[in-house]
C-alpha atoms as a PDB file:
ATOM      1  CA  MET A   1      11.772   7.874 -18.880  1.00  0.00           C
ATOM      2  CA  ILE A   2      11.387   4.316 -17.746  1.00  0.00           C
ATOM      3  CA  ALA A   3      10.540   1.866 -20.162  1.00  0.00           C
ATOM      4  CA  PRO A   4       7.717  -0.406 -19.313  1.00  0.00           C
ATOM      5  CA  CYS A   5       7.866  -4.299 -19.175  1.00  0.00           C
ATOM      6  CA  ALA A   6       5.382  -4.753 -21.735  1.00  0.00           C
ATOM      7  CA  GLY A   7       2.542  -2.585 -23.593  1.00  0.00           C
ATOM      8  CA  PRO A   8      -1.429  -2.497 -22.724  1.00  0.00           C
ATOM      9  CA  LEU A   9      -3.739  -6.037 -22.747  1.00  0.00           C
ATOM     10  CA  ALA A  10      -4.895  -6.449 -26.114  1.00  0.00           C
ATOM     11  CA  PRO A  11      -8.416  -8.046 -27.017  1.00  0.00           C
ATOM     12  CA  GLY A  12      -8.431 -11.754 -25.980  1.00  0.00           C
ATOM     13  CA  ALA A  13      -6.606 -10.839 -23.136  1.00  0.00           C
ATOM     14  CA  ARG A  14      -7.867 -13.265 -19.719  1.00  0.00           C
ATOM     15  CA  VAL A  15      -8.626 -11.041 -17.003  1.00  0.00           C
ATOM     16  CA  VAL A  16     -10.042 -12.303 -13.364  1.00  0.00           C
ATOM     17  CA  VAL A  17     -11.652  -9.529 -11.118  1.00  0.00           C
ATOM     18  CA  ILE A  18     -12.043 -10.016  -7.331  1.00  0.00           C
ATOM     19  CA  ALA A  19     -14.886  -8.106  -5.794  1.00  0.00           C
ATOM     20  CA  ASN A  20     -14.752  -7.464  -2.241  1.00  0.00           C
ATOM     21  CA  PRO A  21     -18.018  -7.150  -1.496  1.00  0.00           C
ATOM     22  CA  THR A  22     -17.577  -5.262   2.347  1.00  0.00           C
ATOM     23  CA  SER A  23     -15.184  -3.074   0.742  1.00  0.00           C
ATOM     24  CA  GLY A  24     -16.178   0.549   2.075  1.00  0.00           C
ATOM     25  CA  GLN A  25     -18.539   1.612  -1.428  1.00  0.00           C
ATOM     26  CA  ALA A  26     -18.822  -2.080  -2.549  1.00  0.00           C
ATOM     27  CA  GLU A  27     -22.694  -1.740  -2.371  1.00  0.00           C
ATOM     28  CA  ALA A  28     -22.956   2.132  -3.355  1.00  0.00           C
ATOM     29  CA  LEU A  29     -20.722   1.455  -6.361  1.00  0.00           C
ATOM     30  CA  ALA A  30     -22.522  -2.160  -7.047  1.00  0.00           C
ATOM     31  CA  GLY A  31     -24.056  -0.964 -10.479  1.00  0.00           C
ATOM     32  CA  GLN A  32     -20.735   0.954 -11.600  1.00  0.00           C
ATOM     33  CA  LEU A  33     -18.312  -2.119 -11.214  1.00  0.00           C
ATOM     34  CA  THR A  34     -21.472  -4.024 -13.644  1.00  0.00           C
ATOM     35  CA  ASP A  35     -20.502  -0.863 -15.901  1.00  0.00           C
ATOM     36  CA  ALA A  36     -16.784  -1.480 -15.676  1.00  0.00           C
ATOM     37  CA  LEU A  37     -17.172  -5.017 -16.558  1.00  0.00           C
ATOM     38  CA  ALA A  38     -19.039  -4.333 -19.805  1.00  0.00           C
ATOM     39  CA  ILE A  39     -16.479  -1.627 -20.805  1.00  0.00           C
ATOM     40  CA  TRP A  40     -13.855  -4.306 -20.614  1.00  0.00           C
ATOM     41  CA  ARG A  41     -15.790  -6.692 -22.534  1.00  0.00           C
ATOM     42  CA  ARG A  42     -16.531  -4.597 -24.950  1.00  0.00           C
ATOM     43  CA  HIS A  43     -12.745  -3.909 -25.430  1.00  0.00           C
ATOM     44  CA  GLY A  44     -12.312  -7.622 -26.038  1.00  0.00           C
ATOM     45  CA  TRP A  45     -11.628  -8.898 -22.658  1.00  0.00           C
ATOM     46  CA  LEU A  46     -12.220 -12.154 -21.738  1.00  0.00           C
ATOM     47  CA  VAL A  47     -13.453 -11.431 -18.016  1.00  0.00           C
ATOM     48  CA  ASP A  48     -14.748 -13.217 -14.919  1.00  0.00           C
ATOM     49  CA  LEU A  49     -16.068 -12.061 -11.821  1.00  0.00           C
ATOM     50  CA  VAL A  50     -14.871 -13.782  -8.717  1.00  0.00           C
ATOM     51  CA  HIS A  51     -16.473 -12.560  -4.956  1.00  0.00           C
ATOM     52  CA  THR A  52     -14.657 -13.246  -2.148  1.00  0.00           C
ATOM     53  CA  ARG A  53     -16.043 -14.262   1.046  1.00  0.00           C
ATOM     54  CA  ALA A  54     -13.514 -14.361   3.667  1.00  0.00           C
ATOM     55  CA  SER A  55     -10.226 -13.180   4.766  1.00  0.00           C
ATOM     56  CA  GLY A  56      -7.063 -14.394   2.378  1.00  0.00           C
ATOM     57  CA  ASP A  57      -9.485 -15.395  -0.269  1.00  0.00           C
ATOM     58  CA  ALA A  58      -8.580 -12.970  -2.411  1.00  0.00           C
ATOM     59  CA  THR A  59      -4.700 -14.276  -2.373  1.00  0.00           C
ATOM     60  CA  GLN A  60      -6.131 -17.533  -3.543  1.00  0.00           C
ATOM     61  CA  ILE A  61      -8.077 -16.721  -6.527  1.00  0.00           C
ATOM     62  CA  ALA A  62      -5.182 -14.443  -7.257  1.00  0.00           C
ATOM     63  CA  ALA A  63      -2.493 -17.154  -7.130  1.00  0.00           C
ATOM     64  CA  ARG A  64      -4.659 -19.509  -8.972  1.00  0.00           C
ATOM     65  CA  ALA A  65      -5.434 -16.666 -12.050  1.00  0.00           C
ATOM     66  CA  ALA A  66      -1.522 -16.825 -12.315  1.00  0.00           C
ATOM     67  CA  ALA A  67      -1.131 -20.529 -12.282  1.00  0.00           C
ATOM     68  CA  ALA A  68      -3.738 -20.467 -15.040  1.00  0.00           C
ATOM     69  CA  GLY A  69      -1.779 -18.130 -17.112  1.00  0.00           C
ATOM     70  CA  VAL A  70      -4.087 -15.467 -16.490  1.00  0.00           C
ATOM     71  CA  ASP A  71      -2.980 -11.966 -17.940  1.00  0.00           C
ATOM     72  CA  LEU A  72      -4.474  -9.534 -15.091  1.00  0.00           C
ATOM     73  CA  VAL A  73      -5.895  -9.059 -11.940  1.00  0.00           C
ATOM     74  CA  ILE A  74      -8.224  -6.640 -11.205  1.00  0.00           C
ATOM     75  CA  ALA A  75      -8.667  -6.122  -7.699  1.00  0.00           C
ATOM     76  CA  ALA A  76     -12.196  -4.364  -6.804  1.00  0.00           C
ATOM     77  CA  GLY A  77     -11.903  -3.087  -3.444  1.00  0.00           C
ATOM     78  CA  GLY A  78      -9.647  -1.158  -1.217  1.00  0.00           C
ATOM     79  CA  ASP A  79      -5.992  -1.176  -0.356  1.00  0.00           C
ATOM     80  CA  GLY A  80      -6.684  -4.484   1.743  1.00  0.00           C
ATOM     81  CA  THR A  81      -7.965  -6.197  -0.906  1.00  0.00           C
ATOM     82  CA  LEU A  82      -5.276  -5.055  -3.431  1.00  0.00           C
ATOM     83  CA  ASN A  83      -2.726  -6.380  -0.833  1.00  0.00           C
ATOM     84  CA  GLU A  84      -4.261  -9.946  -0.536  1.00  0.00           C
ATOM     85  CA  ALA A  85      -4.019 -10.326  -4.330  1.00  0.00           C
ATOM     86  CA  LEU A  86      -0.600  -9.212  -4.701  1.00  0.00           C
ATOM     87  CA  ASN A  87       0.215 -11.797  -2.513  1.00  0.00           C
ATOM     88  CA  GLY A  88      -0.909 -14.381  -4.961  1.00  0.00           C
ATOM     89  CA  LEU A  89       0.739 -12.770  -7.758  1.00  0.00           C
ATOM     90  CA  VAL A  90       4.174 -11.709  -6.753  1.00  0.00           C
ATOM     91  CA  GLY A  91       6.955 -13.502  -8.997  1.00  0.00           C
ATOM     92  CA  SER A  92       3.958 -14.363 -11.320  1.00  0.00           C
ATOM     93  CA  ASP A  93       3.728 -12.297 -14.980  1.00  0.00           C
ATOM     94  CA  THR A  94       0.175 -11.594 -14.337  1.00  0.00           C
ATOM     95  CA  ALA A  95      -0.285  -8.111 -13.869  1.00  0.00           C
ATOM     96  CA  LEU A  96      -2.494  -6.069 -11.150  1.00  0.00           C
ATOM     97  CA  ALA A  97      -4.805  -3.097 -11.367  1.00  0.00           C
ATOM     98  CA  PRO A  98      -7.172  -1.568  -8.725  1.00  0.00           C
ATOM     99  CA  LEU A  99     -10.783  -0.678  -9.064  1.00  0.00           C
ATOM    100  CA  PRO A 100     -10.837   1.544  -5.907  1.00  0.00           C
ATOM    101  CA  ILE A 101     -14.261   0.670  -4.216  1.00  0.00           C
ATOM    102  CA  GLY A 102     -12.783   0.759  -0.634  1.00  0.00           C
ATOM    103  CA  THR A 103     -12.032   3.199   2.217  1.00  0.00           C
ATOM    104  CA  VAL A 104      -8.680   5.649   1.319  1.00  0.00           C
ATOM    105  CA  ASN A 105      -7.335   3.694  -1.942  1.00  0.00           C
ATOM    106  CA  VAL A 106      -4.089   4.681  -1.134  1.00  0.00           C
ATOM    107  CA  TRP A 107      -2.362   3.001  -4.393  1.00  0.00           C
ATOM    108  CA  ALA A 108      -5.001   4.456  -6.912  1.00  0.00           C
ATOM    109  CA  ARG A 109      -4.136   7.838  -5.640  1.00  0.00           C
ATOM    110  CA  GLU A 110      -0.436   7.380  -5.904  1.00  0.00           C
ATOM    111  CA  LEU A 111      -1.073   6.601  -9.489  1.00  0.00           C
ATOM    112  CA  ALA A 112      -3.529   9.394  -9.888  1.00  0.00           C
ATOM    113  CA  LEU A 113      -6.319   7.278 -11.553  1.00  0.00           C
ATOM    114  CA  PRO A 114      -9.895   8.538 -12.219  1.00  0.00           C
ATOM    115  CA  ARG A 115     -11.899   8.731  -9.078  1.00  0.00           C
ATOM    116  CA  ASP A 116     -15.337   7.909 -11.196  1.00  0.00           C
ATOM    117  CA  ILE A 117     -15.113   3.851 -11.529  1.00  0.00           C
ATOM    118  CA  ARG A 118     -16.254   3.869 -15.516  1.00  0.00           C
ATOM    119  CA  ALA A 119     -13.494   6.455 -16.239  1.00  0.00           C
ATOM    120  CA  LEU A 120     -11.030   4.745 -14.824  1.00  0.00           C
ATOM    121  CA  ALA A 121     -12.520   1.242 -16.480  1.00  0.00           C
ATOM    122  CA  GLU A 122     -11.729   3.254 -19.756  1.00  0.00           C
ATOM    123  CA  LEU A 123      -8.569   4.273 -18.913  1.00  0.00           C
ATOM    124  CA  LEU A 124      -7.030   0.926 -18.070  1.00  0.00           C
ATOM    125  CA  PRO A 125      -7.324  -1.026 -21.108  1.00  0.00           C
ATOM    126  CA  SER A 126      -4.886   1.893 -22.598  1.00  0.00           C
ATOM    127  CA  LEU A 127      -2.123   1.357 -19.680  1.00  0.00           C
ATOM    128  CA  PRO A 128       1.430  -0.395 -19.901  1.00  0.00           C
ATOM    129  CA  ARG A 129       2.919  -2.793 -17.837  1.00  0.00           C
ATOM    130  CA  TYR A 130       5.490  -2.187 -15.479  1.00  0.00           C
ATOM    131  CA  ARG A 131       7.728  -3.995 -12.743  1.00  0.00           C
ATOM    132  CA  VAL A 132       7.714  -2.977  -9.497  1.00  0.00           C
ATOM    133  CA  ASP A 133       9.600  -3.731  -6.224  1.00  0.00           C
ATOM    134  CA  VAL A 134       7.303  -4.887  -3.184  1.00  0.00           C
ATOM    135  CA  GLY A 135       8.784  -5.139   0.312  1.00  0.00           C
ATOM    136  CA  ARG A 136       8.159  -8.357   2.713  1.00  0.00           C
ATOM    137  CA  ALA A 137       7.000  -8.017   6.116  1.00  0.00           C
ATOM    138  CA  GLY A 138       7.443 -11.614   8.209  1.00  0.00           C
ATOM    139  CA  THR A 139       5.948 -13.398   5.581  1.00  0.00           C
ATOM    140  CA  ARG A 140       3.535 -11.053   3.870  1.00  0.00           C
ATOM    141  CA  TRP A 141       4.050  -8.777   0.549  1.00  0.00           C
ATOM    142  CA  PHE A 142       3.357  -5.210   0.712  1.00  0.00           C
ATOM    143  CA  LEU A 143       2.839  -2.727  -2.101  1.00  0.00           C
ATOM    144  CA  LEU A 144       2.789   0.527  -0.375  1.00  0.00           C
ATOM    145  CA  MET A 145       4.234   0.728   3.203  1.00  0.00           C
ATOM    146  CA  ALA A 146       4.492  -1.301   6.746  1.00  0.00           C
ATOM    147  CA  GLY A 147       3.623   0.979  10.096  1.00  0.00           C
ATOM    148  CA  ILE A 148       4.826  -0.238  13.119  1.00  0.00           C
ATOM    149  CA  GLY A 149       3.560   1.220  16.511  1.00  0.00           C
ATOM    150  CA  PHE A 150       0.566   4.083  16.732  1.00  0.00           C
ATOM    151  CA  ASP A 151      -0.996   3.910  13.087  1.00  0.00           C
ATOM    152  CA  ALA A 152      -0.930  -0.091  13.381  1.00  0.00           C
ATOM    153  CA  ALA A 153      -2.683   0.617  17.089  1.00  0.00           C
ATOM    154  CA  VAL A 154      -5.468   2.549  15.386  1.00  0.00           C
ATOM    155  CA  VAL A 155      -5.880   0.005  12.735  1.00  0.00           C
ATOM    156  CA  ALA A 156      -6.005  -3.061  15.041  1.00  0.00           C
ATOM    157  CA  GLY A 157      -8.607  -1.436  16.923  1.00  0.00           C
ATOM    158  CA  LEU A 158     -11.198  -0.155  13.699  1.00  0.00           C
ATOM    159  CA  GLN A 159     -14.249  -2.241  13.036  1.00  0.00           C
ATOM    160  CA  ALA A 160     -15.020  -2.909   9.588  1.00  0.00           C
ATOM    161  CA  HIS A 161     -18.802  -2.021   9.776  1.00  0.00           C
ATOM    162  CA  ASP A 162     -17.086   1.540  11.041  1.00  0.00           C
ATOM    163  CA  LYS A 163     -14.899   1.753   8.115  1.00  0.00           C
ATOM    164  CA  ARG A 164     -18.030   1.200   5.860  1.00  0.00           C
ATOM    165  CA  ARG A 165     -20.539   3.762   7.498  1.00  0.00           C
ATOM    166  CA  LEU A 166     -17.605   6.384   8.259  1.00  0.00           C
ATOM    167  CA  GLY A 167     -14.590   6.157   6.096  1.00  0.00           C
ATOM    168  CA  ILE A 168     -11.704   7.816   6.667  1.00  0.00           C
ATOM    169  CA  LEU A 169     -13.373   9.241   9.716  1.00  0.00           C
ATOM    170  CA  ALA A 170     -13.290   5.923  11.313  1.00  0.00           C
ATOM    171  CA  TYR A 171      -9.422   6.158  11.343  1.00  0.00           C
ATOM    172  CA  ALA A 172      -9.681   9.653  12.907  1.00  0.00           C
ATOM    173  CA  MET A 173     -11.845   8.787  15.715  1.00  0.00           C
ATOM    174  CA  ARG A 174      -9.692   5.704  16.361  1.00  0.00           C
ATOM    175  CA  ALA A 175      -6.751   7.841  16.457  1.00  0.00           C
ATOM    176  CA  PHE A 176      -8.195  10.356  18.638  1.00  0.00           C
ATOM    177  CA  ALA A 177      -9.281   7.622  21.308  1.00  0.00           C
ATOM    178  CA  ILE A 178      -6.203   5.408  21.962  1.00  0.00           C
ATOM    179  CA  ALA A 179      -4.095   9.092  21.692  1.00  0.00           C
ATOM    180  CA  ARG A 180      -3.868   9.983  25.077  1.00  0.00           C
ATOM    181  CA  GLN A 181      -2.800   6.725  26.430  1.00  0.00           C
ATOM    182  CA  TYR A 182      -0.240   5.960  24.016  1.00  0.00           C
ATOM    183  CA  ARG A 183       3.407   6.330  24.638  1.00  0.00           C
ATOM    184  CA  GLY A 184       6.484   6.023  22.763  1.00  0.00           C
ATOM    185  CA  VAL A 185       9.154   2.746  23.019  1.00  0.00           C
ATOM    186  CA  ARG A 186      12.497   1.983  23.182  1.00  0.00           C
ATOM    187  CA  VAL A 187      13.244   0.615  19.633  1.00  0.00           C
ATOM    188  CA  ARG A 188      16.628  -1.213  18.070  1.00  0.00           C
ATOM    189  CA  MET A 189      16.708  -1.539  14.590  1.00  0.00           C
ATOM    190  CA  VAL A 190      19.187  -3.201  12.386  1.00  0.00           C
ATOM    191  CA  LEU A 191      19.652  -1.743   8.492  1.00  0.00           C
ATOM    192  CA  ASP A 192      21.713  -3.879   6.405  1.00  0.00           C
ATOM    193  CA  GLY A 193      23.911  -4.544   9.282  1.00  0.00           C
ATOM    194  CA  ARG A 194      24.236  -0.987  11.076  1.00  0.00           C
ATOM    195  CA  VAL A 195      22.668  -0.871  14.783  1.00  0.00           C
ATOM    196  CA  ILE A 196      20.574   2.090  15.441  1.00  0.00           C
ATOM    197  CA  ARG A 197      18.615   2.926  19.057  1.00  0.00           C
ATOM    198  CA  ARG A 198      15.756   5.448  19.137  1.00  0.00           C
ATOM    199  CA  TRP A 199      13.131   6.058  21.085  1.00  0.00           C
ATOM    200  CA  ALA A 200      10.062   6.249  18.752  1.00  0.00           C
ATOM    201  CA  LEU A 201       6.290   6.541  18.534  1.00  0.00           C
ATOM    202  CA  MET A 202       5.784   5.237  15.128  1.00  0.00           C
ATOM    203  CA  ILE A 203       7.778   3.504  12.410  1.00  0.00           C
ATOM    204  CA  VAL A 204       6.925   3.988   8.464  1.00  0.00           C
ATOM    205  CA  LEU A 205       9.053   1.611   5.941  1.00  0.00           C
ATOM    206  CA  GLY A 206       7.729   2.749   2.491  1.00  0.00           C
ATOM    207  CA  ASN A 207       8.280   1.380  -0.808  1.00  0.00           C
ATOM    208  CA  THR A 208       5.697   4.211  -2.277  1.00  0.00           C
ATOM    209  CA  PRO A 209       5.810   7.978  -0.927  1.00  0.00           C
ATOM    210  CA  LEU A 210       2.228   8.355  -0.327  1.00  0.00           C
ATOM    211  CA  TYR A 211       0.770   8.022   3.232  1.00  0.00           C
ATOM    212  CA  GLY A 212      -2.769   7.352   3.988  1.00  0.00           C
ATOM    213  CA  GLY A 213      -3.731   9.381   0.901  1.00  0.00           C
ATOM    214  CA  VAL A 214      -2.586  12.601   2.024  1.00  0.00           C
ATOM    215  CA  MET A 215       0.718  13.128   2.941  1.00  0.00           C
ATOM    216  CA  GLN A 216       4.262  11.819   2.095  1.00  0.00           C
ATOM    217  CA  LEU A 217       5.601  10.363   5.095  1.00  0.00           C
ATOM    218  CA  THR A 218       8.308   8.711   2.833  1.00  0.00           C
ATOM    219  CA  GLU A 219       8.548  11.248  -0.063  1.00  0.00           C
ATOM    220  CA  HIS A 220      11.761   9.548  -1.436  1.00  0.00           C
ATOM    221  CA  ALA A 221      10.484   6.141  -1.367  1.00  0.00           C
ATOM    222  CA  ARG A 222      10.852   4.633  -4.985  1.00  0.00           C
ATOM    223  CA  VAL A 223       9.052   1.271  -6.569  1.00  0.00           C
ATOM    224  CA  GLY A 224      12.454   0.461  -8.353  1.00  0.00           C
ATOM    225  CA  ASP A 225      15.322   1.343  -6.444  1.00  0.00           C
ATOM    226  CA  GLY A 226      15.412  -1.925  -4.240  1.00  0.00           C
ATOM    227  CA  VAL A 227      15.445  -0.537  -0.679  1.00  0.00           C
ATOM    228  CA  LEU A 228      12.483   0.507   1.829  1.00  0.00           C
ATOM    229  CA  ASP A 229      12.813   3.972   3.058  1.00  0.00           C
ATOM    230  CA  VAL A 230      12.608   3.989   6.924  1.00  0.00           C
ATOM    231  CA  CYS A 231      10.518   7.171   8.660  1.00  0.00           C
ATOM    232  CA  ILE A 232      10.895   7.380  12.449  1.00  0.00           C
ATOM    233  CA  ILE A 233       8.667   9.328  13.981  1.00  0.00           C
ATOM    234  CA  ARG A 234      11.083  10.331  17.395  1.00  0.00           C
ATOM    235  CA  GLY A 235       9.237  11.219  20.909  1.00  0.00           C
ATOM    236  CA  SER A 236       7.893   9.968  23.998  1.00  0.00           C
ATOM    237  CA  SER A 237       4.098  11.348  23.938  1.00  0.00           C
ATOM    238  CA  ILE A 238       1.197  11.744  21.501  1.00  0.00           C
ATOM    239  CA  ILE A 239       1.686  15.342  21.503  1.00  0.00           C
ATOM    240  CA  ASP A 240       5.206  15.208  19.188  1.00  0.00           C
ATOM    241  CA  LEU A 241       3.432  12.589  17.227  1.00  0.00           C
ATOM    242  CA  ALA A 242       0.439  15.117  16.838  1.00  0.00           C
ATOM    243  CA  ARG A 243       3.091  17.803  15.968  1.00  0.00           C
ATOM    244  CA  ALA A 244       5.154  16.101  13.433  1.00  0.00           C
ATOM    245  CA  ALA A 245       1.670  14.787  11.918  1.00  0.00           C
ATOM    246  CA  GLY A 246       0.295  18.150  11.695  1.00  0.00           C
ATOM    247  CA  ALA A 247       3.218  19.478  10.229  1.00  0.00           C
ATOM    248  CA  ALA A 248       3.151  16.524   7.341  1.00  0.00           C
ATOM    249  CA  LEU A 249      -0.150  17.345   7.098  1.00  0.00           C
ATOM    250  CA  LEU A 250       0.510  21.253   6.255  1.00  0.00           C
ATOM    251  CA  LEU A 251       3.203  20.693   4.058  1.00  0.00           C
ATOM    252  CA  ARG A 252       2.068  17.599   2.723  1.00  0.00           C
ATOM    253  CA  ARG A 253       5.737  16.126   3.103  1.00  0.00           C
ATOM    254  CA  ALA A 254       8.154  15.236   5.937  1.00  0.00           C
ATOM    255  CA  SER A 255      11.704  15.523   5.463  1.00  0.00           C
ATOM    256  CA  ILE A 256      11.870  18.501   6.798  1.00  0.00           C
ATOM    257  CA  ASP A 257      10.194  18.441  10.496  1.00  0.00           C
ATOM    258  CA  PRO A 258      13.296  17.654  12.766  1.00  0.00           C
ATOM    259  CA  ARG A 259      11.109  15.027  14.408  1.00  0.00           C
ATOM    260  CA  MET A 260      11.103  12.546  11.799  1.00  0.00           C
ATOM    261  CA  GLU A 261      14.540  10.618  11.073  1.00  0.00           C
ATOM    262  CA  HIS A 262      15.016   9.333   7.544  1.00  0.00           C
ATOM    263  CA  LEU A 263      16.917   6.241   6.217  1.00  0.00           C
ATOM    264  CA  ARG A 264      17.383   3.709   3.736  1.00  0.00           C
ATOM    265  CA  ALA A 265      17.691   0.028   3.943  1.00  0.00           C
ATOM    266  CA  ARG A 266      17.261  -3.591   1.867  1.00  0.00           C
ATOM    267  CA  ASP A 267      16.944  -5.691   5.294  1.00  0.00           C
ATOM    268  CA  ILE A 268      15.222  -4.133   8.084  1.00  0.00           C
ATOM    269  CA  THR A 269      14.873  -6.351  11.786  1.00  0.00           C
ATOM    270  CA  ILE A 270      12.696  -4.048  14.709  1.00  0.00           C
ATOM    271  CA  GLU A 271      12.751  -4.980  17.854  1.00  0.00           C
ATOM    272  CA  THR A 272      10.708  -2.947  20.448  1.00  0.00           C
ATOM    273  CA  ARG A 273      10.832  -3.363  24.782  1.00  0.00           C
ATOM    274  CA  ARG A 274       7.425  -4.115  24.381  1.00  0.00           C
ATOM    275  CA  PRO A 275       5.684  -5.549  21.503  1.00  0.00           C
ATOM    276  CA  LEU A 276       4.671  -3.070  18.819  1.00  0.00           C
ATOM    277  CA  PRO A 277       1.511  -3.947  16.505  1.00  0.00           C
ATOM    278  CA  VAL A 278       2.715  -3.988  12.707  1.00  0.00           C
ATOM    279  CA  GLN A 279       0.303  -3.236  10.151  1.00  0.00           C
ATOM    280  CA  VAL A 280       0.883  -3.714   6.012  1.00  0.00           C
ATOM    281  CA  ASP A 281      -1.079  -1.476   3.197  1.00  0.00           C
ATOM    282  CA  GLY A 282      -3.740  -0.577   6.096  1.00  0.00           C
ATOM    283  CA  ASP A 283      -4.578  -4.711   7.322  1.00  0.00           C
ATOM    284  CA  LEU A 284      -3.332  -5.316  10.685  1.00  0.00           C
ATOM    285  CA  LEU A 285      -0.569  -8.128  10.154  1.00  0.00           C
ATOM    286  CA  GLY A 286       1.166  -8.977  14.182  1.00  0.00           C
ATOM    287  CA  GLU A 287       3.536  -7.490  16.329  1.00  0.00           C
ATOM    288  CA  THR A 288       7.559  -7.193  16.567  1.00  0.00           C
ATOM    289  CA  PRO A 289       9.996  -8.152  16.422  1.00  0.00           C
ATOM    290  CA  MET A 290       9.703  -8.295  12.621  1.00  0.00           C
ATOM    291  CA  GLN A 291      11.967  -8.979   9.612  1.00  0.00           C
ATOM    292  CA  PHE A 292      11.581  -6.413   6.992  1.00  0.00           C
ATOM    293  CA  THR A 293      13.212  -6.947   3.003  1.00  0.00           C
ATOM    294  CA  VAL A 294      12.578  -6.023  -0.573  1.00  0.00           C
ATOM    295  CA  ALA A 295      12.320  -8.491  -3.665  1.00  0.00           C
ATOM    296  CA  ASP A 296      13.641  -6.442  -6.985  1.00  0.00           C
ATOM    297  CA  ARG A 297      10.806  -5.894  -9.652  1.00  0.00           C
ATOM    298  CA  ALA A 298       8.601  -8.971  -8.530  1.00  0.00           C
ATOM    299  CA  LEU A 299       5.496  -7.575  -9.511  1.00  0.00           C
ATOM    300  CA  THR A 300       3.560  -6.143 -12.604  1.00  0.00           C
ATOM    301  CA  VAL A 301       1.256  -3.688 -12.529  1.00  0.00           C
ATOM    302  CA  LEU A 302      -0.698  -1.352 -14.591  1.00  0.00           C
ATOM    303  CA  MET A 303       0.389   2.355 -14.577  1.00  0.00           C
ATOM    304  CA  PRO A 304       0.110   5.693 -16.149  1.00  0.00           C
ATOM    305  CA  PRO A 305       3.401   7.024 -17.911  1.00  0.00           C
ATOM    306  CA  ALA A 306       3.396   9.748 -16.022  1.00  0.00           C
ATOM    307  CA  ARG A 307       3.254   8.068 -12.584  1.00  0.00           C
ATOM    308  CA  ALA A 308       6.200   5.552 -13.690  1.00  0.00           C
ATOM    309  CA  THR A 309       8.367   8.775 -14.524  1.00  0.00           C
ATOM    310  CA  ALA A 310       7.813   9.749 -11.020  1.00  0.00           C
ATOM    311  CA  LEU A 311       7.490   6.398  -9.195  1.00  0.00           C
ATOM    312  CA  PHE A 312      10.916   5.028 -10.652  1.00  0.00           C
ATOM    313  CA  ALA A 313      12.685   8.554 -10.682  1.00  0.00           C
ATOM    314  CA  PRO A 314      15.928   8.308  -9.396  1.00  0.00           C
ATOM    315  CA  PRO A 315      15.721   9.242  -5.610  1.00  0.00           C
ATOM    316  CA  THR A 316      17.249  12.240  -3.944  1.00  0.00           C
ATOM    317  CA  PRO A 317      20.241  11.824  -1.618  1.00  0.00           C
ATOM    318  CA  MET A 318      18.773  12.245   1.723  1.00  0.00           C
ATOM    319  CA  GLY A 319      20.869  12.537   5.322  1.00  0.00           C
ATOM    320  CA  GLY A 320      21.168   9.063   7.047  1.00  0.00           C
ATOM    321  CA  SER A 321      21.144   6.806   4.626  1.00  0.00           C
ATOM    322  CA  VAL A 322      22.010   3.998   5.520  1.00  0.00           C
END
């Protein structure tokens, strides 16, 4: 069993809650957020609540909290809010935890945290702290994954009001809308110095196993192994992608699908014949070409010990490792 870097936060700990009022369920769960704050204050934590107003605010708030020696930042929002917060915390000793009120909340699902906000609020003070790897796409850090190609094209066309109104259905509707016109592209990848070329529809670089909250495209990914797991969905048409995704959804894993190639590397550069969109942790970042790397144990998170056992377990050997 992996040992935590520190135990649970004691009464008197300084906590900053960063709340995103535009997250998917923020309005509906406003009362539960108030209850969560009360629970933590009864525990003895010294809690400040700060609301974001614009993109990038969570990064700045988190960075100021880390500089001030705050013990914990809680991201009350979705995976995008969590990603912004961690970009202000990487390399610091300030821990990060989610209060999932977004659309998908992949990190909370990865940790098997309670979906009930009050139950989660009661649990957080008992969780120990662990140091985890983070990936880097260009100049931006990510905790979960980076996606290149089709999924990033879906993210690029999503409207915030549709995500709030329709939830995860908004992703499905956008995917259906662009599927008929989407085609694969020739890709050149450099993985720790090794060059490979593929015709790909989508590439996922995973720091954690779960993708989209419903399947494991990078099921061998671990948060402490110092590498990113690479899933290449090969093919030229959306039919190839649909078959691969259907198999992954049905089996909840992707390693046995012949349309998917799995590799591992620490330093990855991706170039494409035409620029492809790139998303990290569900938010659009930019376009290829782009370099991806890993920072070892650069972020402190609260994590249930049972999930730490799984997420730090030695990865299963895979064919095609770089």
